[in-house]
Amino acid sequence: MVNQVVVRIASERIMNGGLNPKTEKTYIIDDITNQDYRQAVENYILTATEGV
């Protein structure tokens, strides 16, 4: 089961160029290793992005 709060936080960090707390580098989608979370983040980004 995917936690939607975690998905929202990760998605917002990726879209806004925020830092990955583990690496202290810019958060990118490839940093997400769990396939369920990665898919949920991709879906969130697609729905939150205007013009897609």
N, C-alpha and C. Protein backbone atom coordinates (compact mmCIF):
# COMPACT_ATOMS: atom_id res chain seq x y z
N MET A 1 0.84 -1.18 0.00
CA MET A 1 0.00 0.00 0.00
C MET A 1 0.88 1.24 0.00
N VAL A 2 0.52 2.19 -0.83
CA VAL A 2 1.29 3.41 -1.01
C VAL A 2 0.71 4.52 -0.13
N ASN A 3 1.58 5.21 0.59
CA ASN A 3 1.16 6.33 1.44
C ASN A 3 1.10 7.59 0.56
N GLN A 4 -0.09 8.14 0.40
CA GLN A 4 -0.28 9.28 -0.49
C GLN A 4 0.43 10.54 0.00
N VAL A 5 0.64 10.67 1.29
CA VAL A 5 1.37 11.83 1.81
C VAL A 5 2.83 11.76 1.35
N VAL A 6 3.41 10.58 1.42
CA VAL A 6 4.79 10.39 0.97
C VAL A 6 4.89 10.65 -0.53
N VAL A 7 3.92 10.18 -1.29
CA VAL A 7 3.89 10.39 -2.74
C VAL A 7 3.83 11.88 -3.05
N ARG A 8 2.97 12.61 -2.35
CA ARG A 8 2.84 14.05 -2.58
C ARG A 8 4.13 14.78 -2.25
N ILE A 9 4.75 14.46 -1.12
CA ILE A 9 5.99 15.12 -0.72
C ILE A 9 7.10 14.85 -1.74
N ALA A 10 7.27 13.60 -2.12
CA ALA A 10 8.31 13.25 -3.10
C ALA A 10 8.06 13.92 -4.44
N SER A 11 6.81 13.93 -4.87
CA SER A 11 6.45 14.55 -6.14
C SER A 11 6.73 16.04 -6.13
N GLU A 12 6.34 16.70 -5.07
CA GLU A 12 6.57 18.14 -4.96
C GLU A 12 8.07 18.45 -4.96
N ARG A 13 8.85 17.64 -4.28
CA ARG A 13 10.30 17.86 -4.28
C ARG A 13 10.88 17.68 -5.68
N ILE A 14 10.42 16.68 -6.40
CA ILE A 14 10.92 16.44 -7.75
C ILE A 14 10.52 17.59 -8.67
N MET A 15 9.26 18.01 -8.60
CA MET A 15 8.78 19.07 -9.49
C MET A 15 9.41 20.42 -9.19
N ASN A 16 9.77 20.66 -7.93
CA ASN A 16 10.30 21.97 -7.54
C ASN A 16 11.82 21.99 -7.40
N GLY A 17 12.48 20.90 -7.76
CA GLY A 17 13.94 20.85 -7.67
C GLY A 17 14.46 20.78 -6.25
N GLY A 18 13.67 20.17 -5.38
CA GLY A 18 14.07 20.04 -3.98
C GLY A 18 15.16 19.00 -3.79
N LEU A 19 15.68 18.95 -2.57
CA LEU A 19 16.78 18.03 -2.27
C LEU A 19 16.27 16.68 -1.79
N ASN A 20 17.01 15.64 -2.18
CA ASN A 20 16.79 14.31 -1.65
C ASN A 20 17.45 14.27 -0.28
N PRO A 21 16.69 13.97 0.78
CA PRO A 21 17.27 13.98 2.12
C PRO A 21 18.40 12.98 2.33
N LYS A 22 18.41 11.90 1.56
CA LYS A 22 19.48 10.90 1.71
C LYS A 22 20.79 11.37 1.10
N THR A 23 20.73 11.94 -0.10
CA THR A 23 21.95 12.26 -0.84
C THR A 23 22.31 13.74 -0.82
N GLU A 24 21.36 14.59 -0.39
CA GLU A 24 21.55 16.05 -0.40
C GLU A 24 21.77 16.59 -1.82
N LYS A 25 21.31 15.84 -2.82
CA LYS A 25 21.36 16.29 -4.21
C LYS A 25 19.93 16.52 -4.66
N THR A 26 19.77 17.12 -5.83
CA THR A 26 18.43 17.37 -6.36
C THR A 26 17.69 16.05 -6.52
N TYR A 27 16.46 16.04 -6.05
CA TYR A 27 15.63 14.83 -6.08
C TYR A 27 15.17 14.57 -7.52
N ILE A 28 15.41 13.37 -8.00
CA ILE A 28 14.96 12.97 -9.34
C ILE A 28 14.17 11.67 -9.22
N ILE A 29 13.37 11.39 -10.24
CA ILE A 29 12.50 10.21 -10.22
C ILE A 29 13.30 8.92 -10.08
N ASP A 30 14.52 8.91 -10.60
CA ASP A 30 15.35 7.70 -10.52
C ASP A 30 15.80 7.38 -9.10
N ASP A 31 15.66 8.34 -8.17
CA ASP A 31 16.00 8.09 -6.77
C ASP A 31 15.00 7.16 -6.09
N ILE A 32 13.82 7.02 -6.67
CA ILE A 32 12.77 6.18 -6.08
C ILE A 32 12.96 4.75 -6.59
N THR A 33 13.29 3.83 -5.68
CA THR A 33 13.57 2.46 -6.09
C THR A 33 12.37 1.54 -5.96
N ASN A 34 11.41 1.89 -5.11
CA ASN A 34 10.21 1.07 -4.94
C ASN A 34 9.29 1.32 -6.13
N GLN A 35 8.98 0.28 -6.88
CA GLN A 35 8.19 0.43 -8.10
C GLN A 35 6.79 0.97 -7.86
N ASP A 36 6.17 0.57 -6.76
CA ASP A 36 4.82 1.07 -6.45
C ASP A 36 4.85 2.58 -6.20
N TYR A 37 5.82 3.03 -5.43
CA TYR A 37 5.94 4.45 -5.14
C TYR A 37 6.35 5.23 -6.39
N ARG A 38 7.23 4.65 -7.17
CA ARG A 38 7.67 5.33 -8.39
C ARG A 38 6.50 5.56 -9.33
N GLN A 39 5.66 4.53 -9.51
CA GLN A 39 4.49 4.65 -10.37
C GLN A 39 3.51 5.69 -9.81
N ALA A 40 3.32 5.68 -8.50
CA ALA A 40 2.41 6.64 -7.87
C ALA A 40 2.93 8.07 -8.02
N VAL A 41 4.23 8.27 -7.88
CA VAL A 41 4.83 9.59 -8.04
C VAL A 41 4.70 10.04 -9.50
N GLU A 42 4.97 9.16 -10.43
CA GLU A 42 4.83 9.51 -11.85
C GLU A 42 3.39 9.92 -12.16
N ASN A 43 2.43 9.18 -11.65
CA ASN A 43 1.02 9.51 -11.87
C ASN A 43 0.66 10.85 -11.24
N TYR A 44 1.15 11.10 -10.03
CA TYR A 44 0.88 12.36 -9.35
C TYR A 44 1.44 13.53 -10.16
N ILE A 45 2.67 13.38 -10.63
CA ILE A 45 3.31 14.45 -11.41
C ILE A 45 2.52 14.71 -12.69
N LEU A 46 2.09 13.66 -13.35
CA LEU A 46 1.31 13.83 -14.58
C LEU A 46 -0.01 14.55 -14.33
N THR A 47 -0.67 14.23 -13.25
CA THR A 47 -1.96 14.88 -12.95
C THR A 47 -1.77 16.30 -12.43
N ALA A 48 -0.65 16.58 -11.79
CA ALA A 48 -0.41 17.90 -11.21
C ALA A 48 0.22 18.88 -12.21
N THR A 49 0.71 18.38 -13.33
CA THR A 49 1.35 19.23 -14.31
C THR A 49 0.32 19.73 -15.31
N GLU A 50 0.25 21.04 -15.46
CA GLU A 50 -0.71 21.62 -16.40
C GLU A 50 -0.19 21.45 -17.83
N GLY A 51 -1.10 21.25 -18.75
CA GLY A 51 -0.74 21.16 -20.15
C GLY A 51 -0.24 19.80 -20.60
N VAL A 52 -0.41 18.79 -19.77
CA VAL A 52 0.03 17.44 -20.16
C VAL A 52 -1.16 16.64 -20.56
